[in-house]
Amino acid sequence: MTFRRTSALTGAAALMIACGCRQEMYDQPRYEPLEKSGFYADARASRPYVEGTVPRGALDGPVAPPPPGGSAPPAVLATTLPMPLTRELLARGRERFEIFCTPCHDRTGSGRGMVVRRGYRQPPSYHIDRLRDAPVGHFYDVMTRGLGAMPDYAQQIPPEDRWAIAAYVKALQLSQRATIAELPPEDRTRVETGRRETGVETGDRPRFSATPPPAGELRENRGLSPEPGH
């Protein structure tokens, strides 16, 4: 009887130890980024790149280190695109912009995207003077390194798509400030005809406000579903 009891207790203890040592598939026996290592002399699990090697794919090229708490100085920002400005480039930029940027910046660039209406910090409108006068390289730089509350998107968006988005942002800015006189004759006629038919006042005002919405218009609900009755 004592032997059976001892065997049962031993078996139960072994089972408990086995359950305690079980390792889930998502928790692989590997080093996490920047984890301490007892194997290497410098105690760093993340190893430096092998000298003389480069990663595969497109490279960003030299990027100036960001100053403390600010974006890159204007002197190091590109003022022109590194590729031809084409309709296809702008179409690609619009597609990528609507995927990655509209949740915060919305489709017009006014900074009233869905997550902002749910309580997230509002970004500045693309249509304020400071950003309207910023070079195209500023938007590429912010996507590459982040700025303020905006994280970098270097991992999600490859360099060529970042340039396409930056080009589309500049086109979006231009579209909100273009005057009737800057349009081709056929487009000018179509716009003026549409304004007369809809009763919209003529003039060269921007379509979207560059000022933030009143605080009362920001929704407090931070969930993903609309509030009942809305």
Protein backbone atom coordinates (compact mmCIF):
# COMPACT_ATOMS: atom_id res chain seq x y z
CA MET A 1 0.00 0.00 0.00
CA THR A 2 2.81 2.32 0.87
CA PHE A 3 4.55 1.48 -2.41
CA ARG A 4 1.43 2.24 -4.44
CA ARG A 5 0.92 5.52 -2.63
CA THR A 6 4.53 6.49 -3.15
CA SER A 7 4.29 5.64 -6.85
CA ALA A 8 1.09 7.68 -7.21
CA LEU A 9 2.65 10.68 -5.53
CA THR A 10 5.76 10.35 -7.66
CA GLY A 11 3.68 10.13 -10.83
CA ALA A 12 1.61 13.17 -9.85
CA ALA A 13 4.74 15.16 -9.10
CA ALA A 14 6.26 14.20 -12.45
CA LEU A 15 3.05 15.21 -14.24
CA MET A 16 3.01 18.59 -12.49
CA ILE A 17 6.66 19.19 -13.40
CA ALA A 18 5.97 18.22 -17.02
CA CYS A 19 3.03 20.63 -17.22
CA GLY A 20 5.10 23.38 -15.68
CA CYS A 21 7.85 22.88 -18.26
CA ARG A 22 5.50 22.90 -21.25
CA GLN A 23 6.47 25.52 -23.81
CA GLU A 24 3.89 27.11 -26.07
CA MET A 25 4.70 27.37 -29.77
CA TYR A 26 4.45 31.16 -29.67
CA ASP A 27 7.14 31.25 -26.96
CA GLN A 28 10.08 29.91 -28.91
CA PRO A 29 13.49 29.37 -27.28
CA ARG A 30 15.10 32.39 -28.90
CA TYR A 31 16.57 35.71 -27.94
CA GLU A 32 14.25 38.70 -28.02
CA PRO A 33 15.50 41.98 -29.56
CA LEU A 34 18.11 43.68 -27.34
CA GLU A 35 17.91 40.85 -24.81
CA LYS A 36 20.96 40.13 -22.65
CA SER A 37 23.03 37.13 -23.66
CA GLY A 38 25.39 35.05 -21.59
CA PHE A 39 26.97 33.53 -24.69
CA TYR A 40 28.69 36.57 -26.23
CA ALA A 41 31.48 38.44 -24.51
CA ASP A 42 29.69 41.80 -24.83
CA ALA A 43 26.48 40.26 -23.37
CA ARG A 44 24.39 41.49 -26.33
CA ALA A 45 22.06 39.06 -28.09
CA SER A 46 21.50 41.48 -31.00
CA ARG A 47 24.64 41.23 -33.06
CA PRO A 48 26.09 44.04 -35.22
CA TYR A 49 26.02 43.69 -39.00
CA VAL A 50 28.92 41.86 -40.57
CA GLU A 51 31.38 44.42 -41.88
CA GLY A 52 31.16 44.98 -45.63
CA THR A 53 27.61 43.64 -46.04
CA VAL A 54 24.42 45.49 -46.94
CA PRO A 55 20.76 44.42 -46.70
CA ARG A 56 19.01 43.26 -49.84
CA GLY A 57 16.55 45.58 -51.58
CA ALA A 58 16.33 49.37 -51.80
CA LEU A 59 18.34 51.50 -49.39
CA ASP A 60 17.35 54.86 -48.02
CA GLY A 61 20.84 56.20 -48.46
CA PRO A 62 22.51 58.43 -45.87
CA VAL A 63 20.03 59.94 -43.43
CA ALA A 64 21.10 62.76 -41.15
CA PRO A 65 20.59 62.02 -37.44
CA PRO A 66 17.45 63.74 -36.11
CA PRO A 67 18.00 66.73 -33.83
CA PRO A 68 16.70 66.48 -30.24
CA GLY A 69 12.90 66.60 -30.36
CA GLY A 70 12.53 67.84 -33.92
CA SER A 71 12.54 66.96 -37.60
CA ALA A 72 15.56 67.13 -39.84
CA PRO A 73 16.80 70.65 -40.67
CA PRO A 74 15.55 72.01 -44.02
CA ALA A 75 19.07 71.93 -45.44
CA VAL A 76 19.10 68.11 -45.49
CA LEU A 77 15.57 67.59 -46.85
CA ALA A 78 15.08 66.80 -50.52
CA THR A 79 13.26 69.47 -52.50
CA THR A 80 12.66 67.28 -55.56
CA LEU A 81 11.60 63.70 -56.14
CA PRO A 82 14.33 61.16 -56.90
CA MET A 83 12.15 59.76 -59.71
CA PRO A 84 9.98 61.28 -62.49
CA LEU A 85 6.60 62.64 -61.40
CA THR A 86 4.05 60.61 -63.36
CA ARG A 87 0.35 59.87 -63.18
CA GLU A 88 1.22 56.29 -62.20
CA LEU A 89 3.37 57.53 -59.30
CA LEU A 90 0.56 59.71 -57.98
CA ALA A 91 -1.94 56.86 -58.34
CA ARG A 92 0.35 54.61 -56.34
CA GLY A 93 0.85 57.35 -53.76
CA ARG A 94 -2.89 57.83 -53.39
CA GLU A 95 -3.45 54.09 -52.93
CA ARG A 96 -0.74 53.81 -50.25
CA PHE A 97 -1.90 57.05 -48.60
CA GLU A 98 -5.44 55.77 -48.25
CA ILE A 99 -4.15 52.54 -46.72
CA PHE A 100 -1.61 53.86 -44.23
CA CYS A 101 -2.36 57.55 -43.68
CA THR A 102 -6.11 58.15 -43.76
CA PRO A 103 -6.84 56.60 -40.32
CA CYS A 104 -5.25 59.74 -38.82
CA HIS A 105 -5.01 62.28 -41.63
CA ASP A 106 -8.28 61.39 -43.45
CA ARG A 107 -8.61 61.42 -47.24
CA THR A 108 -8.37 65.22 -47.49
CA GLY A 109 -5.33 65.64 -45.24
CA SER A 110 -7.18 67.81 -42.72
CA GLY A 111 -6.21 65.55 -39.80
CA ARG A 112 -9.69 64.32 -38.90
CA GLY A 113 -9.32 60.62 -39.57
CA MET A 114 -11.41 57.94 -37.91
CA VAL A 115 -8.98 57.25 -35.05
CA VAL A 116 -8.85 60.99 -34.31
CA ARG A 117 -12.63 61.09 -34.11
CA ARG A 118 -12.38 58.20 -31.65
CA GLY A 119 -10.07 60.14 -29.34
CA TYR A 120 -6.56 59.76 -30.78
CA ARG A 121 -4.29 62.80 -30.85
CA GLN A 122 -5.03 64.95 -33.90
CA PRO A 123 -2.18 65.56 -36.36
CA PRO A 124 -1.77 68.98 -37.99
CA SER A 125 -3.61 69.63 -41.23
CA TYR A 126 -1.55 69.35 -44.38
CA HIS A 127 -3.14 72.63 -45.45
CA ILE A 128 -1.57 74.92 -42.88
CA ASP A 129 1.11 77.28 -44.16
CA ARG A 130 3.98 75.47 -42.44
CA LEU A 131 3.29 72.14 -44.10
CA ARG A 132 2.14 73.61 -47.39
CA ASP A 133 5.55 75.29 -47.67
CA ALA A 134 7.48 72.18 -46.52
CA PRO A 135 9.56 70.42 -49.20
CA VAL A 136 8.55 66.99 -50.43
CA GLY A 137 11.47 65.52 -48.51
CA HIS A 138 9.88 66.55 -45.21
CA PHE A 139 7.02 64.09 -45.66
CA TYR A 140 9.40 61.33 -46.70
CA ASP A 141 11.58 62.07 -43.68
CA VAL A 142 8.63 61.93 -41.24
CA MET A 143 7.45 58.62 -42.68
CA THR A 144 10.99 57.28 -42.38
CA ARG A 145 11.80 58.40 -38.84
CA GLY A 146 8.52 59.51 -37.30
CA LEU A 147 7.85 62.83 -35.60
CA GLY A 148 5.96 63.73 -32.43
CA ALA A 149 3.11 61.30 -31.82
CA MET A 150 3.52 59.76 -35.29
CA PRO A 151 5.66 56.61 -35.34
CA ASP A 152 7.92 55.81 -38.26
CA TYR A 153 6.58 53.70 -41.11
CA ALA A 154 9.94 52.56 -42.46
CA GLN A 155 9.07 48.91 -41.86
CA GLN A 156 5.57 49.07 -43.34
CA ILE A 157 6.25 51.28 -46.39
CA PRO A 158 9.27 50.74 -48.69
CA PRO A 159 11.25 53.83 -49.78
CA GLU A 160 9.74 54.07 -53.27
CA ASP A 161 6.22 54.05 -51.84
CA ARG A 162 7.17 56.70 -49.27
CA TRP A 163 8.22 58.97 -52.12
CA ALA A 164 4.98 58.21 -53.95
CA ILE A 165 2.96 59.14 -50.85
CA ALA A 166 4.98 62.32 -50.38
CA ALA A 167 4.31 63.30 -53.99
CA TYR A 168 0.60 62.64 -53.52
CA VAL A 169 0.52 64.76 -50.35
CA LYS A 170 1.97 67.70 -52.29
CA ALA A 171 -0.62 67.14 -55.03
CA LEU A 172 -3.34 66.97 -52.37
CA GLN A 173 -2.16 70.28 -50.93
CA LEU A 174 -2.19 71.85 -54.37
CA SER A 175 -5.70 70.56 -55.07
CA GLN A 176 -7.06 72.36 -52.00
CA ARG A 177 -5.44 75.70 -52.87
CA ALA A 178 -5.68 75.76 -56.65
CA THR A 179 -7.48 78.73 -58.13
CA ILE A 180 -9.92 78.71 -61.02
CA ALA A 181 -7.39 80.61 -63.12
CA GLU A 182 -4.86 77.76 -62.77
CA LEU A 183 -7.19 75.18 -64.32
CA PRO A 184 -7.21 74.27 -68.02
CA PRO A 185 -10.05 76.00 -69.93
CA GLU A 186 -12.22 72.87 -70.22
CA ASP A 187 -11.88 72.09 -66.49
CA ARG A 188 -12.52 75.73 -65.59
CA THR A 189 -15.75 75.71 -67.57
CA ARG A 190 -16.89 72.47 -65.97
CA VAL A 191 -16.20 73.75 -62.45
CA GLU A 192 -17.96 77.08 -63.03
CA THR A 193 -20.95 75.30 -64.57
CA GLY A 194 -21.17 72.92 -61.63
CA ARG A 195 -21.03 75.79 -59.14
CA ARG A 196 -23.85 77.62 -60.87
CA GLU A 197 -25.99 74.49 -60.99
CA THR A 198 -25.44 73.63 -57.32
CA GLY A 199 -25.62 77.20 -56.05
CA VAL A 200 -22.10 77.11 -54.60
CA GLU A 201 -20.47 80.51 -54.31
CA THR A 202 -17.65 81.20 -56.71
CA GLY A 203 -14.25 82.08 -55.39
CA ASP A 204 -10.93 80.52 -54.65
CA ARG A 205 -11.38 79.36 -51.10
CA PRO A 206 -9.86 76.05 -49.97
CA ARG A 207 -12.41 73.25 -49.80
CA PHE A 208 -11.34 72.03 -46.39
CA SER A 209 -10.55 73.96 -43.24
CA ALA A 210 -6.96 73.98 -42.04
CA THR A 211 -7.99 74.62 -38.44
CA PRO A 212 -8.69 71.82 -35.91
CA PRO A 213 -12.35 71.04 -35.15
CA PRO A 214 -13.88 72.33 -31.92
CA ALA A 215 -13.26 70.10 -28.93
CA GLY A 216 -16.95 69.31 -28.68
CA GLU A 217 -16.88 67.64 -32.09
CA LEU A 218 -14.30 65.05 -31.05
CA ARG A 219 -15.92 61.81 -30.02
CA GLU A 220 -14.99 60.44 -26.60
CA ASN A 221 -15.79 56.84 -27.56
CA ARG A 222 -12.46 55.11 -28.17
CA GLY A 223 -13.94 51.81 -29.32
CA LEU A 224 -14.19 50.49 -32.85
CA SER A 225 -17.98 50.48 -33.00
CA PRO A 226 -20.16 53.61 -33.19
CA GLU A 227 -22.15 54.58 -30.17
CA PRO A 228 -25.81 53.54 -30.11
CA GLY A 229 -28.02 55.96 -31.98
CA HIS A 230 -25.14 57.37 -34.08
